[in-house]
Amino acid sequence: MLELININKNYTSSEHSLHVLKNINIKIEQGEFVAIMGPSGSGKSTLLGIAAGLDRADTGDVILDSVKMGGLSEDELAKLRAEKVGFIFQNFQLVRTLNAIENVSLPLIISTKLSEKEIKQKAMSLLEKVSLEHRVSHFPSQLSGGEEQRVAIARSFINNPKILFADEPTGNLDSKNGNAVMDMLTALNKQNNSTLIVVTHDPKVAALADRILEMENGEIKQRTGNVRITQKPITKSKKKGKK
């Protein structure tokens, strides 16, 4: 679903040059849930932005669903993102002048020819999935942080993305809301059989993933595989509960 080949990224000022990403090579399969961890400044968010087509690498190739993104124009990149990519920002990035259902509808209003009624029905269905059907007319300023994040999650799924990127999706939330958001995110991901890539500092979030990539100083230093799949004690605990 996604392959990054020899990705390098530098940020240069008049005084300094910072090598943010160094020869990154990653391959992620369809339907896989991958968590990216590492200290602040290790390049996690930069990597996520490049993988999602929000930024460009200086060298290397990004291949998303068999499409090489490096050779695309800005308009072609925008079309690819609208058709195949969902992105959840750490600070939500909701439009403050739009209510919940309008925020969720926005990607389809911009990128499809669906009728207003069809778009509204789809947005409403997603708001119901994140338990916000009673808040559809509320503006971001009238929502809690957890509710804003759930609106952002609903919006990220409105175009049925093949791949979903989330930058610290629980970073601004308390433990209760963070758990609820990850439950919804993984549930929606499974229902849509989409690929999920999450940047996180939280070991509990990373433990839900199929694979963990550890970053340090712009490099992938460690890969941990099949965390979620191999947790057989979960099945045993369910059996005990039934008894």
Protein backbone atom coordinates (compact mmCIF):
# COMPACT_ATOMS: atom_id res chain seq x y z
CA MET A 1 0.00 0.00 0.00
CA LEU A 2 2.86 2.38 0.83
CA GLU A 3 6.57 2.23 0.14
CA LEU A 4 9.24 4.79 1.01
CA ILE A 5 12.57 4.27 -0.75
CA ASN A 6 15.76 6.08 0.36
CA ILE A 7 13.85 9.12 1.64
CA ASN A 8 15.95 12.13 2.68
CA LYS A 9 14.75 15.52 3.86
CA ASN A 10 16.78 18.60 4.79
CA TYR A 11 15.72 21.97 6.16
CA THR A 12 18.22 24.71 5.42
CA SER A 13 18.44 28.25 6.78
CA SER A 14 21.09 30.90 6.22
CA GLU A 15 23.06 29.56 9.17
CA HIS A 16 22.17 25.89 9.58
CA SER A 17 21.26 22.75 7.65
CA LEU A 18 19.24 20.09 9.44
CA HIS A 19 19.11 16.56 8.02
CA VAL A 20 15.63 15.58 9.28
CA LEU A 21 15.20 12.24 7.48
CA LYS A 22 18.10 9.98 6.53
CA ASN A 23 17.72 7.19 3.98
CA ILE A 24 14.31 6.00 5.20
CA ASN A 25 13.12 2.71 3.73
CA ILE A 26 9.68 1.39 4.75
CA LYS A 27 7.15 -0.93 3.16
CA ILE A 28 3.59 -1.08 4.59
CA GLU A 29 0.96 -3.56 3.44
CA GLN A 30 -2.74 -3.07 2.77
CA GLY A 31 -4.76 -3.18 6.00
CA GLU A 32 -1.70 -2.97 8.27
CA PHE A 33 -1.67 -0.80 11.41
CA VAL A 34 1.79 0.70 11.96
CA ALA A 35 2.81 2.90 14.89
CA ILE A 36 5.79 5.28 14.62
CA MET A 37 7.50 6.20 17.88
CA GLY A 38 10.55 8.22 18.92
CA PRO A 39 11.61 11.32 20.84
CA SER A 40 10.59 14.84 19.83
CA GLY A 41 12.64 16.03 16.88
CA SER A 42 13.36 12.53 15.58
CA GLY A 43 11.51 13.20 12.30
CA LYS A 44 8.22 11.38 12.94
CA SER A 45 5.83 14.13 11.83
CA THR A 46 8.01 15.05 8.85
CA LEU A 47 7.98 11.41 7.77
CA LEU A 48 4.20 11.27 8.12
CA GLY A 49 3.71 14.43 6.05
CA ILE A 50 5.93 13.16 3.24
CA ALA A 51 4.26 9.73 3.23
CA ALA A 52 0.83 11.40 2.98
CA GLY A 53 1.86 13.73 0.16
CA LEU A 54 1.59 16.87 2.28
CA ASP A 55 5.32 17.55 1.88
CA ARG A 56 7.99 16.44 -0.57
CA ALA A 57 11.24 14.61 0.07
CA ASP A 58 14.52 16.04 -1.24
CA THR A 59 15.54 12.62 -2.56
CA GLY A 60 13.94 9.19 -2.78
CA ASP A 61 10.59 7.81 -3.87
CA VAL A 62 7.20 7.59 -2.18
CA ILE A 63 4.87 5.04 -3.78
CA LEU A 64 1.27 5.07 -2.56
CA ASP A 65 -1.07 2.42 -3.96
CA SER A 66 1.28 1.88 -6.93
CA VAL A 67 1.49 5.63 -7.71
CA LYS A 68 4.88 7.41 -7.54
CA MET A 69 4.11 10.69 -5.83
CA GLY A 70 7.39 12.44 -6.59
CA GLY A 71 6.49 13.05 -10.22
CA LEU A 72 3.00 14.43 -9.56
CA SER A 73 2.06 18.09 -9.82
CA GLU A 74 0.45 19.84 -6.83
CA ASP A 75 -2.99 19.43 -8.45
CA GLU A 76 -2.37 15.73 -9.07
CA LEU A 77 -1.17 15.28 -5.49
CA ALA A 78 -4.30 17.01 -4.18
CA LYS A 79 -6.48 14.69 -6.29
CA LEU A 80 -4.62 11.62 -5.01
CA ARG A 81 -5.04 12.74 -1.39
CA ALA A 82 -8.73 13.46 -1.92
CA GLU A 83 -9.31 9.99 -3.38
CA LYS A 84 -7.09 7.77 -1.23
CA VAL A 85 -5.75 9.53 1.88
CA GLY A 86 -7.19 10.51 5.25
CA PHE A 87 -5.20 12.62 7.73
CA ILE A 88 -5.86 13.38 11.40
CA PHE A 89 -3.88 16.34 12.71
CA GLN A 90 -2.78 16.64 16.33
CA ASN A 91 -4.51 20.02 16.67
CA PHE A 92 -7.65 18.78 14.82
CA GLN A 93 -7.64 21.64 12.22
CA LEU A 94 -11.41 21.97 12.12
CA VAL A 95 -12.82 25.01 10.32
CA ARG A 96 -14.03 27.22 13.16
CA THR A 97 -16.86 28.80 11.13
CA LEU A 98 -18.38 25.43 10.17
CA ASN A 99 -20.43 23.19 12.45
CA ALA A 100 -19.68 19.50 13.02
CA ILE A 101 -21.57 18.08 10.06
CA GLU A 102 -20.22 20.78 7.73
CA ASN A 103 -16.65 20.05 8.84
CA VAL A 104 -17.12 16.33 8.19
CA SER A 105 -18.74 17.03 4.80
CA LEU A 106 -16.06 19.43 3.58
CA PRO A 107 -13.71 16.95 1.82
CA LEU A 108 -16.60 15.58 -0.26
CA ILE A 109 -17.96 19.04 -1.05
CA ILE A 110 -14.54 19.91 -2.47
CA SER A 111 -13.73 16.68 -4.29
CA THR A 112 -16.91 14.90 -5.45
CA LYS A 113 -20.01 15.42 -7.51
CA LEU A 114 -22.33 13.80 -4.96
CA SER A 115 -25.51 15.69 -4.22
CA GLU A 116 -25.81 17.78 -1.06
CA LYS A 117 -28.26 15.24 0.32
CA GLU A 118 -25.91 12.30 -0.31
CA ILE A 119 -22.98 14.10 1.30
CA LYS A 120 -25.06 15.04 4.35
CA GLN A 121 -26.29 11.45 4.75
CA LYS A 122 -22.73 10.10 4.62
CA ALA A 123 -21.47 12.71 7.10
CA MET A 124 -24.35 11.98 9.45
CA SER A 125 -23.63 8.26 9.32
CA LEU A 126 -20.01 8.87 10.35
CA LEU A 127 -21.00 11.24 13.16
CA GLU A 128 -23.31 8.51 14.44
CA LYS A 129 -20.38 6.05 14.39
CA VAL A 130 -18.37 8.38 16.62
CA SER A 131 -21.41 9.02 18.88
CA LEU A 132 -21.84 12.67 17.94
CA GLU A 133 -25.25 12.60 16.26
CA HIS A 134 -26.52 14.96 18.98
CA ARG A 135 -23.79 17.54 18.22
CA VAL A 136 -24.12 17.93 14.44
CA SER A 137 -25.05 21.63 14.61
CA HIS A 138 -22.40 22.58 17.16
CA PHE A 139 -19.35 24.60 16.16
CA PRO A 140 -15.81 23.65 17.26
CA SER A 141 -15.87 26.30 20.00
CA GLN A 142 -18.91 24.51 21.47
CA LEU A 143 -17.22 21.08 21.53
CA SER A 144 -14.82 19.53 24.02
CA GLY A 145 -11.35 18.45 22.91
CA GLY A 146 -12.48 14.83 22.70
CA GLU A 147 -15.52 15.80 20.63
CA GLU A 148 -13.39 17.88 18.26
CA GLN A 149 -11.08 14.92 17.77
CA ARG A 150 -14.03 12.64 17.00
CA VAL A 151 -15.26 15.14 14.39
CA ALA A 152 -11.76 15.10 12.89
CA ILE A 153 -11.81 11.30 12.80
CA ALA A 154 -15.21 11.26 11.10
CA ARG A 155 -13.95 13.80 8.55
CA SER A 156 -10.86 11.67 7.83
CA PHE A 157 -13.08 8.71 6.84
CA ILE A 158 -15.60 10.63 4.70
CA ASN A 159 -13.80 9.81 1.43
CA ASN A 160 -13.31 6.12 2.32
CA PRO A 161 -9.50 6.46 2.32
CA LYS A 162 -7.34 3.49 1.47
CA ILE A 163 -4.75 4.80 3.92
CA LEU A 164 -5.17 6.89 7.06
CA PHE A 165 -2.41 8.91 8.75
CA ALA A 166 -2.80 10.17 12.33
CA ASP A 167 -0.32 12.51 14.04
CA GLU A 168 -0.54 12.07 17.82
CA PRO A 169 -4.31 11.40 17.72
CA THR A 170 -4.48 11.17 21.53
CA GLY A 171 -1.83 13.76 22.33
CA ASN A 172 -4.26 16.50 23.41
CA LEU A 173 -6.71 14.22 25.20
CA ASP A 174 -7.06 12.82 28.69
CA SER A 175 -6.76 9.07 29.24
CA LYS A 176 -10.50 8.36 28.98
CA ASN A 177 -11.00 10.31 25.75
CA GLY A 178 -7.73 8.98 24.35
CA ASN A 179 -8.86 5.39 24.85
CA ALA A 180 -12.24 6.16 23.27
CA VAL A 181 -10.59 7.78 20.24
CA MET A 182 -8.27 4.80 19.65
CA ASP A 183 -11.18 2.36 20.04
CA MET A 184 -13.07 4.26 17.35
CA LEU A 185 -10.03 4.66 15.13
CA THR A 186 -9.15 0.97 15.15
CA ALA A 187 -12.80 -0.07 14.77
CA LEU A 188 -13.35 2.20 11.76
CA ASN A 189 -10.04 1.05 10.33
CA LYS A 190 -11.07 -2.62 10.53
CA GLN A 191 -14.52 -1.94 9.10
CA ASN A 192 -12.99 -0.17 6.09
CA ASN A 193 -9.99 -2.54 5.75
CA SER A 194 -7.82 0.54 5.34
CA THR A 195 -4.16 0.99 6.23
CA LEU A 196 -3.48 2.96 9.44
CA ILE A 197 -0.24 4.78 10.28
CA VAL A 198 -0.05 6.53 13.65
CA VAL A 199 2.67 8.75 15.11
CA THR A 200 2.52 8.50 18.91
CA HIS A 201 4.48 8.96 22.11
CA ASP A 202 2.06 6.70 23.99
CA PRO A 203 3.19 3.06 24.45
CA LYS A 204 -0.44 2.02 25.02
CA VAL A 205 -1.41 3.35 21.60
CA ALA A 206 1.61 1.70 19.97
CA ALA A 207 0.75 -1.63 21.62
CA LEU A 208 -2.46 -1.73 19.54
CA ALA A 209 -0.47 -1.77 16.30
CA ASP A 210 0.63 -4.71 14.18
CA ARG A 211 4.12 -3.22 13.94
CA ILE A 212 6.12 -0.46 15.65
CA LEU A 213 8.81 1.63 13.93
CA GLU A 214 11.21 3.38 16.33
CA MET A 215 12.81 6.60 15.05
CA GLU A 216 15.90 8.40 16.32
CA ASN A 217 17.75 11.33 14.73
CA GLY A 218 15.91 10.96 11.43
CA GLU A 219 16.50 7.24 11.06
CA ILE A 220 14.49 4.06 11.62
CA LYS A 221 16.44 2.42 14.43
CA GLN A 222 14.22 -0.50 15.37
CA ARG A 223 11.25 -2.47 14.05
CA THR A 224 8.95 -4.47 16.31
CA GLY A 225 6.50 -6.74 14.53
CA ASN A 226 3.07 -8.22 15.13
CA VAL A 227 2.46 -6.70 18.57
CA ARG A 228 -1.30 -6.90 18.40
CA ILE A 229 -1.61 -10.18 16.50
CA THR A 230 0.58 -12.19 18.92
CA GLN A 231 -1.16 -11.12 22.14
CA LYS A 232 -2.71 -14.56 22.71
CA PRO A 233 -3.41 -13.89 26.41
CA ILE A 234 -6.25 -11.60 25.29
CA THR A 235 -8.12 -14.64 23.93
CA LYS A 236 -7.49 -16.58 27.13
CA SER A 237 -8.81 -13.76 29.28
CA LYS A 238 -12.03 -13.70 27.26
CA LYS A 239 -12.51 -17.40 27.90
CA LYS A 240 -12.06 -16.88 31.63
CA GLY A 241 -14.68 -14.16 31.51
CA LYS A 242 -17.18 -16.53 29.92
CA LYS A 243 -16.69 -19.04 32.73
